[in-house]
N, C-alpha and C. Protein backbone atom coordinates (compact mmCIF):
# COMPACT_ATOMS: atom_id res chain seq x y z
N PHE A 1 -0.80 -3.01 4.95
CA PHE A 1 0.54 -2.49 4.82
C PHE A 1 1.51 -3.65 4.90
N GLN A 2 2.46 -3.67 4.00
CA GLN A 2 3.51 -4.68 4.07
C GLN A 2 4.86 -3.99 4.11
N GLY A 3 5.77 -4.55 4.87
CA GLY A 3 7.11 -4.00 4.92
C GLY A 3 7.60 -3.81 6.33
N SER A 4 8.65 -3.03 6.44
CA SER A 4 9.22 -2.69 7.73
C SER A 4 8.30 -1.67 8.40
N VAL A 5 7.86 -1.97 9.59
CA VAL A 5 6.82 -1.19 10.25
C VAL A 5 7.45 -0.28 11.31
N GLY A 6 7.09 1.00 11.23
CA GLY A 6 7.58 1.94 12.23
C GLY A 6 6.95 3.30 12.04
N GLU A 7 7.44 4.26 12.77
CA GLU A 7 6.96 5.64 12.69
C GLU A 7 7.11 6.16 11.27
N GLY A 8 6.19 7.03 10.89
CA GLY A 8 6.31 7.73 9.62
C GLY A 8 5.58 7.10 8.45
N HIS A 9 4.90 6.00 8.65
CA HIS A 9 4.14 5.37 7.57
C HIS A 9 2.68 5.81 7.56
N GLY A 10 2.31 6.66 8.49
CA GLY A 10 0.93 7.11 8.57
C GLY A 10 0.00 6.07 9.16
N LEU A 11 0.56 5.01 9.70
CA LEU A 11 -0.28 3.93 10.23
C LEU A 11 -1.05 4.35 11.48
N GLU A 12 -0.52 5.33 12.19
CA GLU A 12 -1.24 5.82 13.36
C GLU A 12 -2.59 6.39 12.92
N ASN A 13 -2.60 7.18 11.86
CA ASN A 13 -3.86 7.76 11.41
C ASN A 13 -4.76 6.74 10.72
N VAL A 14 -4.18 5.81 10.02
CA VAL A 14 -5.01 4.75 9.44
C VAL A 14 -5.70 3.98 10.57
N SER A 15 -4.97 3.71 11.64
CA SER A 15 -5.59 2.98 12.76
C SER A 15 -6.68 3.81 13.44
N ARG A 16 -6.60 5.12 13.36
CA ARG A 16 -7.66 5.97 13.92
C ARG A 16 -8.95 5.91 13.10
N LEU A 17 -8.87 5.39 11.91
CA LEU A 17 -10.06 5.24 11.06
C LEU A 17 -10.82 3.94 11.34
N LEU A 18 -10.28 3.08 12.17
CA LEU A 18 -10.89 1.77 12.38
C LEU A 18 -12.30 1.84 12.94
N ASP A 19 -12.63 2.91 13.65
CA ASP A 19 -13.98 2.99 14.23
C ASP A 19 -14.99 3.66 13.29
N ARG A 20 -14.57 3.95 12.06
CA ARG A 20 -15.47 4.61 11.11
C ARG A 20 -15.91 3.62 10.03
N GLU A 21 -17.14 3.78 9.63
CA GLU A 21 -17.61 3.08 8.44
C GLU A 21 -17.42 4.03 7.28
N ILE A 22 -16.84 3.53 6.21
CA ILE A 22 -16.65 4.35 5.02
C ILE A 22 -17.37 3.64 3.88
N GLN A 23 -18.31 4.36 3.28
CA GLN A 23 -19.13 3.78 2.20
C GLN A 23 -19.81 2.48 2.69
N GLY A 24 -20.20 2.47 3.96
CA GLY A 24 -20.88 1.31 4.52
C GLY A 24 -19.96 0.14 4.83
N ARG A 25 -18.68 0.35 4.77
CA ARG A 25 -17.71 -0.73 5.02
C ARG A 25 -16.94 -0.49 6.30
N GLU A 26 -16.73 -1.54 7.04
CA GLU A 26 -15.92 -1.49 8.24
C GLU A 26 -14.45 -1.56 7.82
N ILE A 27 -13.62 -0.77 8.44
CA ILE A 27 -12.20 -0.72 8.10
C ILE A 27 -11.42 -1.73 8.94
N GLN A 28 -10.52 -2.44 8.29
CA GLN A 28 -9.58 -3.34 8.95
C GLN A 28 -8.17 -2.88 8.53
N LEU A 29 -7.21 -2.98 9.42
CA LEU A 29 -5.83 -2.66 9.08
C LEU A 29 -4.99 -3.90 9.31
N VAL A 30 -4.41 -4.39 8.22
CA VAL A 30 -3.55 -5.57 8.26
C VAL A 30 -2.12 -5.07 8.05
N ILE A 31 -1.27 -5.38 9.00
CA ILE A 31 0.13 -4.97 8.94
C ILE A 31 0.98 -6.23 8.91
N LYS A 32 1.72 -6.40 7.81
CA LYS A 32 2.56 -7.59 7.63
C LYS A 32 4.00 -7.14 7.52
N GLY A 33 4.82 -7.58 8.44
CA GLY A 33 6.22 -7.25 8.31
C GLY A 33 6.95 -7.22 9.63
N TRP A 34 8.15 -6.71 9.52
CA TRP A 34 9.04 -6.62 10.66
C TRP A 34 8.74 -5.34 11.43
N ILE A 35 8.38 -5.48 12.69
CA ILE A 35 8.11 -4.33 13.54
C ILE A 35 9.41 -3.99 14.27
N ARG A 36 9.96 -2.85 13.89
CA ARG A 36 11.29 -2.45 14.39
C ARG A 36 11.27 -2.07 15.86
N ASP A 37 10.12 -1.64 16.36
CA ASP A 37 10.04 -1.14 17.73
C ASP A 37 8.73 -1.62 18.34
N GLU A 38 8.83 -2.44 19.35
CA GLU A 38 7.63 -2.97 20.01
C GLU A 38 6.78 -1.85 20.61
N ASN A 39 7.40 -0.73 20.95
CA ASN A 39 6.62 0.40 21.47
C ASN A 39 5.70 0.97 20.40
N PHE A 40 6.13 0.91 19.15
CA PHE A 40 5.26 1.38 18.07
C PHE A 40 4.06 0.45 17.92
N LYS A 41 4.28 -0.82 18.02
CA LYS A 41 3.17 -1.78 17.97
C LYS A 41 2.20 -1.51 19.12
N LYS A 42 2.74 -1.26 20.30
CA LYS A 42 1.89 -0.94 21.46
C LYS A 42 1.11 0.35 21.21
N LYS A 43 1.74 1.32 20.57
CA LYS A 43 1.07 2.58 20.26
C LYS A 43 -0.14 2.34 19.35
N LEU A 44 0.05 1.55 18.29
CA LEU A 44 -1.05 1.26 17.37
C LEU A 44 -2.15 0.48 18.08
N THR A 45 -1.76 -0.47 18.89
CA THR A 45 -2.73 -1.27 19.63
C THR A 45 -3.51 -0.38 20.61
N SER A 46 -2.84 0.57 21.25
CA SER A 46 -3.51 1.49 22.18
C SER A 46 -4.53 2.36 21.46
N ILE A 47 -4.18 2.82 20.26
CA ILE A 47 -5.12 3.64 19.48
C ILE A 47 -6.37 2.82 19.17
N ALA A 48 -6.17 1.61 18.68
CA ALA A 48 -7.30 0.75 18.32
C ALA A 48 -8.15 0.40 19.54
N THR A 49 -7.51 0.13 20.67
CA THR A 49 -8.22 -0.19 21.89
C THR A 49 -9.02 1.01 22.39
N ALA A 50 -8.44 2.19 22.31
CA ALA A 50 -9.11 3.41 22.79
C ALA A 50 -10.38 3.70 22.01
N ILE A 51 -10.43 3.31 20.75
CA ILE A 51 -11.65 3.55 19.96
C ILE A 51 -12.52 2.30 19.87
N GLY A 52 -12.15 1.28 20.64
CA GLY A 52 -12.97 0.07 20.70
C GLY A 52 -12.88 -0.81 19.46
N ARG A 53 -11.77 -0.77 18.74
CA ARG A 53 -11.65 -1.57 17.53
C ARG A 53 -10.35 -2.37 17.46
N GLU A 54 -9.93 -2.88 18.60
CA GLU A 54 -8.73 -3.72 18.58
C GLU A 54 -8.91 -4.93 17.67
N ASP A 55 -10.17 -5.34 17.44
CA ASP A 55 -10.44 -6.46 16.53
C ASP A 55 -10.21 -6.08 15.07
N GLY A 56 -10.04 -4.80 14.79
CA GLY A 56 -9.82 -4.35 13.41
C GLY A 56 -8.35 -4.18 13.06
N LEU A 57 -7.47 -4.43 14.02
CA LEU A 57 -6.03 -4.28 13.81
C LEU A 57 -5.38 -5.65 13.84
N HIS A 58 -4.70 -5.99 12.75
CA HIS A 58 -4.11 -7.32 12.61
C HIS A 58 -2.63 -7.22 12.31
N PHE A 59 -1.81 -7.87 13.12
CA PHE A 59 -0.37 -7.92 12.90
C PHE A 59 -0.01 -9.32 12.42
N ILE A 60 0.67 -9.38 11.31
CA ILE A 60 1.17 -10.64 10.78
C ILE A 60 2.68 -10.52 10.76
N PRO A 61 3.37 -11.40 11.48
CA PRO A 61 4.82 -11.23 11.62
C PRO A 61 5.58 -11.40 10.31
N PHE A 62 6.79 -10.85 10.32
CA PHE A 62 7.73 -11.02 9.23
C PHE A 62 7.89 -12.51 8.97
N GLY A 63 7.94 -12.88 7.72
CA GLY A 63 8.09 -14.29 7.37
C GLY A 63 8.61 -14.43 5.95
N PRO A 64 8.59 -15.65 5.44
CA PRO A 64 9.12 -15.88 4.10
C PRO A 64 8.38 -15.06 3.04
N TYR A 65 9.15 -14.55 2.11
CA TYR A 65 8.59 -13.71 1.05
C TYR A 65 7.53 -14.46 0.25
N LYS A 66 7.69 -15.75 0.10
CA LYS A 66 6.73 -16.56 -0.67
C LYS A 66 5.33 -16.54 -0.06
N ASP A 67 5.23 -16.22 1.23
CA ASP A 67 3.93 -16.18 1.90
C ASP A 67 3.22 -14.83 1.73
N LEU A 68 3.94 -13.83 1.27
CA LEU A 68 3.38 -12.48 1.19
C LEU A 68 2.18 -12.36 0.25
N PRO A 69 2.21 -12.94 -0.95
CA PRO A 69 1.05 -12.76 -1.84
C PRO A 69 -0.27 -13.24 -1.27
N SER A 70 -0.27 -14.31 -0.52
CA SER A 70 -1.55 -14.80 0.01
C SER A 70 -2.11 -13.83 1.06
N VAL A 71 -1.24 -13.18 1.82
CA VAL A 71 -1.69 -12.19 2.79
C VAL A 71 -2.21 -10.95 2.06
N THR A 72 -1.43 -10.48 1.09
CA THR A 72 -1.80 -9.27 0.35
C THR A 72 -3.09 -9.49 -0.43
N ARG A 73 -3.26 -10.64 -1.02
CA ARG A 73 -4.45 -10.96 -1.82
C ARG A 73 -5.73 -10.87 -1.00
N ALA A 74 -5.62 -11.10 0.30
CA ALA A 74 -6.80 -11.05 1.17
C ALA A 74 -7.20 -9.61 1.51
N CYS A 75 -6.39 -8.64 1.10
CA CYS A 75 -6.66 -7.23 1.39
C CYS A 75 -7.28 -6.55 0.17
N HIS A 76 -7.69 -5.30 0.33
CA HIS A 76 -8.35 -4.57 -0.75
C HIS A 76 -7.65 -3.29 -1.18
N ILE A 77 -6.87 -2.70 -0.29
CA ILE A 77 -6.17 -1.45 -0.58
C ILE A 77 -4.74 -1.59 -0.07
N GLY A 78 -3.79 -1.20 -0.90
CA GLY A 78 -2.39 -1.18 -0.49
C GLY A 78 -2.01 0.18 0.06
N ILE A 79 -1.14 0.19 1.05
CA ILE A 79 -0.70 1.45 1.65
C ILE A 79 0.78 1.64 1.33
N GLY A 80 1.08 2.76 0.67
CA GLY A 80 2.46 3.12 0.35
C GLY A 80 2.78 4.50 0.89
N ILE A 81 2.37 4.75 2.09
CA ILE A 81 2.58 6.08 2.69
C ILE A 81 3.85 6.04 3.55
N HIS A 82 4.67 7.03 3.35
CA HIS A 82 5.80 7.23 4.26
C HIS A 82 6.00 8.72 4.36
N SER A 83 5.62 9.30 5.46
CA SER A 83 5.52 10.74 5.56
C SER A 83 6.80 11.44 6.01
N LEU A 84 7.86 10.70 6.30
CA LEU A 84 9.12 11.38 6.60
C LEU A 84 9.58 12.06 5.32
N ASN A 85 10.02 13.28 5.42
CA ASN A 85 10.25 14.10 4.23
C ASN A 85 11.71 14.07 3.76
N THR A 86 12.15 12.91 3.30
CA THR A 86 13.45 12.79 2.65
C THR A 86 13.23 12.07 1.33
N ASP A 87 14.14 12.21 0.40
CA ASP A 87 13.99 11.52 -0.88
C ASP A 87 13.86 10.01 -0.68
N LEU A 88 14.66 9.48 0.21
CA LEU A 88 14.61 8.05 0.48
C LEU A 88 13.23 7.61 0.92
N HIS A 89 12.60 8.40 1.78
CA HIS A 89 11.30 8.02 2.32
C HIS A 89 10.15 8.34 1.37
N THR A 90 10.17 9.50 0.74
CA THR A 90 9.03 9.89 -0.09
C THR A 90 8.96 9.11 -1.39
N THR A 91 10.02 8.39 -1.74
CA THR A 91 9.99 7.54 -2.94
C THR A 91 9.90 6.06 -2.59
N LEU A 92 9.85 5.75 -1.31
CA LEU A 92 9.90 4.36 -0.83
C LEU A 92 11.09 3.63 -1.44
N ALA A 93 12.20 4.31 -1.53
CA ALA A 93 13.37 3.82 -2.26
C ALA A 93 13.81 2.42 -1.84
N LYS A 94 13.69 2.12 -0.59
CA LYS A 94 14.13 0.79 -0.15
C LYS A 94 13.03 -0.26 -0.30
N ALA A 95 11.80 0.16 -0.64
CA ALA A 95 10.72 -0.81 -0.73
C ALA A 95 9.65 -0.40 -1.73
N SER A 96 10.06 0.24 -2.82
CA SER A 96 9.07 0.67 -3.80
C SER A 96 8.40 -0.51 -4.50
N ASN A 97 9.01 -1.67 -4.44
CA ASN A 97 8.41 -2.85 -5.06
C ASN A 97 7.03 -3.17 -4.49
N LYS A 98 6.77 -2.75 -3.24
CA LYS A 98 5.47 -3.06 -2.63
C LYS A 98 4.33 -2.47 -3.46
N LEU A 99 4.55 -1.30 -4.09
CA LEU A 99 3.51 -0.68 -4.89
C LEU A 99 3.13 -1.58 -6.07
N TYR A 100 4.11 -2.18 -6.67
CA TYR A 100 3.86 -3.03 -7.84
C TYR A 100 3.34 -4.40 -7.42
N GLU A 101 3.72 -4.85 -6.23
CA GLU A 101 3.15 -6.09 -5.70
C GLU A 101 1.67 -5.90 -5.42
N TYR A 102 1.30 -4.74 -4.90
CA TYR A 102 -0.12 -4.45 -4.68
C TYR A 102 -0.86 -4.46 -6.02
N ALA A 103 -0.32 -3.76 -7.01
CA ALA A 103 -0.96 -3.69 -8.33
C ALA A 103 -1.08 -5.07 -8.95
N ALA A 104 -0.07 -5.90 -8.81
CA ALA A 104 -0.10 -7.25 -9.38
C ALA A 104 -1.29 -8.04 -8.88
N LEU A 105 -1.69 -7.79 -7.65
CA LEU A 105 -2.81 -8.50 -7.05
C LEU A 105 -4.12 -7.72 -7.15
N GLY A 106 -4.09 -6.62 -7.90
CA GLY A 106 -5.31 -5.86 -8.13
C GLY A 106 -5.71 -4.93 -7.00
N LEU A 107 -4.77 -4.50 -6.20
CA LEU A 107 -5.09 -3.57 -5.12
C LEU A 107 -4.81 -2.14 -5.54
N PRO A 108 -5.82 -1.29 -5.51
CA PRO A 108 -5.55 0.14 -5.64
C PRO A 108 -4.67 0.54 -4.46
N ILE A 109 -3.91 1.62 -4.60
CA ILE A 109 -3.01 2.00 -3.52
C ILE A 109 -3.19 3.45 -3.13
N ILE A 110 -2.84 3.70 -1.88
CA ILE A 110 -2.77 5.05 -1.36
C ILE A 110 -1.29 5.34 -1.11
N VAL A 111 -0.79 6.40 -1.74
CA VAL A 111 0.60 6.80 -1.55
C VAL A 111 0.62 8.19 -0.93
N TYR A 112 1.74 8.52 -0.35
CA TYR A 112 1.92 9.86 0.22
C TYR A 112 1.99 10.87 -0.91
N ASP A 113 1.31 11.97 -0.76
CA ASP A 113 1.25 12.99 -1.80
C ASP A 113 2.57 13.75 -1.85
N SER A 114 3.46 13.27 -2.72
CA SER A 114 4.77 13.91 -2.88
C SER A 114 4.98 14.22 -4.36
N LEU A 115 5.92 15.11 -4.63
CA LEU A 115 6.23 15.45 -6.01
C LEU A 115 6.68 14.21 -6.79
N HIS A 116 7.46 13.36 -6.15
CA HIS A 116 7.95 12.15 -6.82
C HIS A 116 6.80 11.27 -7.28
N TYR A 117 5.89 10.97 -6.37
CA TYR A 117 4.76 10.12 -6.75
C TYR A 117 3.87 10.78 -7.78
N ARG A 118 3.63 12.06 -7.63
CA ARG A 118 2.81 12.77 -8.62
C ARG A 118 3.44 12.66 -10.00
N GLU A 119 4.74 12.85 -10.06
CA GLU A 119 5.44 12.81 -11.35
C GLU A 119 5.35 11.42 -12.00
N HIS A 120 5.51 10.39 -11.21
CA HIS A 120 5.62 9.05 -11.77
C HIS A 120 4.33 8.23 -11.78
N LEU A 121 3.36 8.59 -10.94
CA LEU A 121 2.18 7.73 -10.80
C LEU A 121 0.86 8.42 -11.07
N LYS A 122 0.87 9.70 -11.40
CA LYS A 122 -0.39 10.43 -11.55
C LYS A 122 -1.26 9.92 -12.69
N LYS A 123 -0.69 9.24 -13.66
CA LYS A 123 -1.48 8.77 -14.79
C LYS A 123 -2.29 7.51 -14.47
N TYR A 124 -2.07 6.92 -13.31
CA TYR A 124 -2.77 5.69 -12.96
C TYR A 124 -3.97 5.99 -12.07
N GLU A 125 -5.14 5.62 -12.56
CA GLU A 125 -6.37 5.90 -11.82
C GLU A 125 -6.47 5.13 -10.51
N TRP A 126 -5.71 4.09 -10.36
CA TRP A 126 -5.75 3.25 -9.17
C TRP A 126 -4.78 3.71 -8.08
N VAL A 127 -4.08 4.81 -8.33
CA VAL A 127 -3.18 5.39 -7.33
C VAL A 127 -3.85 6.64 -6.74
N PHE A 128 -3.94 6.69 -5.44
CA PHE A 128 -4.57 7.80 -4.74
C PHE A 128 -3.53 8.48 -3.85
N PHE A 129 -3.53 9.79 -3.90
CA PHE A 129 -2.54 10.59 -3.19
C PHE A 129 -3.16 11.15 -1.92
N ALA A 130 -2.48 10.93 -0.80
CA ALA A 130 -3.01 11.39 0.49
C ALA A 130 -1.91 11.99 1.33
N SER A 131 -2.29 12.94 2.13
CA SER A 131 -1.42 13.32 3.23
C SER A 131 -1.75 12.30 4.32
N ASP A 132 -1.10 12.39 5.44
CA ASP A 132 -1.39 11.38 6.46
C ASP A 132 -2.46 11.83 7.45
N ASP A 133 -3.24 12.87 7.08
CA ASP A 133 -4.31 13.27 7.99
C ASP A 133 -5.56 12.42 7.73
N LEU A 134 -6.42 12.36 8.72
CA LEU A 134 -7.59 11.49 8.68
C LEU A 134 -8.52 11.78 7.52
N LEU A 135 -8.82 13.04 7.28
CA LEU A 135 -9.76 13.39 6.21
C LEU A 135 -9.23 12.98 4.84
N SER A 136 -7.97 13.22 4.59
CA SER A 136 -7.37 12.86 3.32
C SER A 136 -7.41 11.34 3.11
N LEU A 137 -7.04 10.60 4.13
CA LEU A 137 -7.09 9.13 4.04
C LEU A 137 -8.52 8.64 3.83
N GLN A 138 -9.45 9.23 4.57
CA GLN A 138 -10.86 8.82 4.48
C GLN A 138 -11.39 9.08 3.07
N LYS A 139 -11.06 10.21 2.48
CA LYS A 139 -11.51 10.52 1.12
C LYS A 139 -10.95 9.52 0.11
N CYS A 140 -9.69 9.18 0.25
CA CYS A 140 -9.09 8.19 -0.66
C CYS A 140 -9.78 6.83 -0.53
N ILE A 141 -9.99 6.40 0.69
CA ILE A 141 -10.64 5.10 0.91
C ILE A 141 -12.05 5.12 0.34
N ALA A 142 -12.78 6.20 0.56
CA ALA A 142 -14.15 6.29 0.04
C ALA A 142 -14.15 6.23 -1.49
N ALA A 143 -13.23 6.93 -2.12
CA ALA A 143 -13.16 6.92 -3.59
C ALA A 143 -12.82 5.52 -4.10
N ILE A 144 -11.94 4.83 -3.44
CA ILE A 144 -11.57 3.47 -3.85
C ILE A 144 -12.76 2.53 -3.69
N ILE A 145 -13.40 2.57 -2.55
CA ILE A 145 -14.55 1.69 -2.31
C ILE A 145 -15.65 1.95 -3.34
N GLY A 146 -15.86 3.23 -3.65
CA GLY A 146 -16.93 3.60 -4.58
C GLY A 146 -16.75 3.07 -5.99
N ASP A 147 -15.54 2.70 -6.37
CA ASP A 147 -15.28 2.21 -7.73
C ASP A 147 -14.28 1.06 -7.70
N TYR A 148 -14.40 0.24 -6.67
CA TYR A 148 -13.37 -0.77 -6.41
C TYR A 148 -13.13 -1.75 -7.55
N ASP A 149 -14.17 -2.34 -8.09
CA ASP A 149 -13.97 -3.38 -9.09
C ASP A 149 -13.20 -2.86 -10.30
N ARG A 150 -13.56 -1.70 -10.78
CA ARG A 150 -12.88 -1.13 -11.95
C ARG A 150 -11.43 -0.77 -11.61
N LEU A 151 -11.23 -0.15 -10.45
CA LEU A 151 -9.87 0.24 -10.05
C LEU A 151 -8.99 -0.99 -9.84
N SER A 152 -9.55 -2.04 -9.29
CA SER A 152 -8.80 -3.28 -9.09
C SER A 152 -8.38 -3.88 -10.43
N ARG A 153 -9.30 -3.93 -11.37
CA ARG A 153 -8.95 -4.45 -12.70
C ARG A 153 -7.89 -3.58 -13.37
N SER A 154 -8.01 -2.29 -13.20
CA SER A 154 -7.05 -1.36 -13.80
C SER A 154 -5.65 -1.53 -13.20
N ALA A 155 -5.57 -1.70 -11.90
CA ALA A 155 -4.27 -1.91 -11.25
C ALA A 155 -3.62 -3.19 -11.77
N HIS A 156 -4.39 -4.25 -11.83
CA HIS A 156 -3.85 -5.52 -12.32
C HIS A 156 -3.43 -5.41 -13.78
N ALA A 157 -4.23 -4.74 -14.60
CA ALA A 157 -3.89 -4.56 -16.02
C ALA A 157 -2.60 -3.76 -16.16
N SER A 158 -2.42 -2.73 -15.35
CA SER A 158 -1.18 -1.95 -15.40
C SER A 158 0.02 -2.82 -15.08
N PHE A 159 -0.14 -3.70 -14.11
CA PHE A 159 0.96 -4.60 -13.79
C PHE A 159 1.28 -5.50 -14.98
N LEU A 160 0.24 -6.10 -15.57
CA LEU A 160 0.47 -7.00 -16.68
C LEU A 160 1.09 -6.30 -17.88
N GLU A 161 0.66 -5.08 -18.14
CA GLU A 161 1.11 -4.36 -19.33
C GLU A 161 2.43 -3.61 -19.13
N GLU A 162 2.69 -3.15 -17.91
CA GLU A 162 3.83 -2.25 -17.73
C GLU A 162 4.82 -2.61 -16.64
N PHE A 163 4.38 -3.22 -15.57
CA PHE A 163 5.23 -3.30 -14.39
C PHE A 163 5.82 -4.67 -14.10
N ASN A 164 5.64 -5.62 -14.96
CA ASN A 164 6.23 -6.92 -14.66
C ASN A 164 7.57 -7.07 -15.36
N PHE A 165 8.38 -7.94 -14.86
CA PHE A 165 9.73 -8.15 -15.35
C PHE A 165 9.76 -8.43 -16.85
N GLU A 166 8.90 -9.32 -17.29
CA GLU A 166 8.91 -9.72 -18.69
C GLU A 166 8.61 -8.56 -19.63
N SER A 167 7.67 -7.70 -19.28
CA SER A 167 7.31 -6.62 -20.19
C SER A 167 8.46 -5.63 -20.36
N LYS A 168 9.31 -5.48 -19.36
CA LYS A 168 10.42 -4.54 -19.44
C LYS A 168 11.67 -5.16 -20.05
N PHE A 169 11.90 -6.45 -19.83
CA PHE A 169 13.15 -7.04 -20.25
C PHE A 169 13.05 -7.93 -21.49
N GLN A 170 11.85 -8.23 -21.93
CA GLN A 170 11.72 -9.04 -23.14
C GLN A 170 12.36 -8.36 -24.35
N PRO A 171 12.22 -7.04 -24.53
CA PRO A 171 12.92 -6.40 -25.65
C PRO A 171 14.44 -6.58 -25.58
N VAL A 172 15.00 -6.57 -24.38
CA VAL A 172 16.44 -6.77 -24.24
C VAL A 172 16.80 -8.21 -24.61
N VAL A 173 16.01 -9.16 -24.13
CA VAL A 173 16.24 -10.56 -24.47
C VAL A 173 16.13 -10.76 -25.98
N ASP A 174 15.11 -10.19 -26.59
CA ASP A 174 14.95 -10.30 -28.05
C ASP A 174 16.15 -9.72 -28.77
N PHE A 175 16.63 -8.57 -28.34
CA PHE A 175 17.81 -7.94 -28.96
C PHE A 175 19.03 -8.84 -28.83
N LEU A 176 19.25 -9.37 -27.65
CA LEU A 176 20.41 -10.23 -27.42
C LEU A 176 20.34 -11.51 -28.24
N MET A 177 19.14 -12.02 -28.39
CA MET A 177 18.98 -13.26 -29.18
C MET A 177 19.30 -13.00 -30.66
N LEU A 178 19.01 -11.81 -31.16
CA LEU A 178 19.33 -11.46 -32.53
C LEU A 178 20.84 -11.36 -32.74
N LYS A 179 21.57 -11.03 -31.70
CA LYS A 179 23.03 -10.84 -31.78
C LYS A 179 23.79 -12.15 -31.80
N LYS A 180 23.14 -13.26 -31.53
CA LYS A 180 23.82 -14.57 -31.48
C LYS A 180 24.40 -14.93 -32.80
């Protein structure tokens, strides 16, 4: 997970999965960003400690944006869950770029199952829709692990073909150059 860290991202339930093997894989949770409330960090750490997997929870502090790709590249699944039920939260309006940053690096993503995401992202096989309950998250992770290489290539291809700056603005640049 990258971004501003706090309640409502479903991270509590993701951290509860740390003691489970899914498709024969041990789960690690890497959280990179600004932690708004130290009590929330303590809460996540307590969950991991209670299930004996504090070694599976990693906090990387907020830092320069240029350092983010190297952290994200070391991960396998992006998390775009925000379960607070407002338009601002269910669309990740203040941080929707994280979804495309994950795709750029070939990470399939898990997003909160909302009408907004279904409308805009359902055509992408590398996007998985979950509620923030354990079973839903576990099913998404299992599906991703089961077909990871193909989903990773597909996410990266979508970024190259559709979600990068050049693919969207090159037609505008071409049009403006013709007007000279």
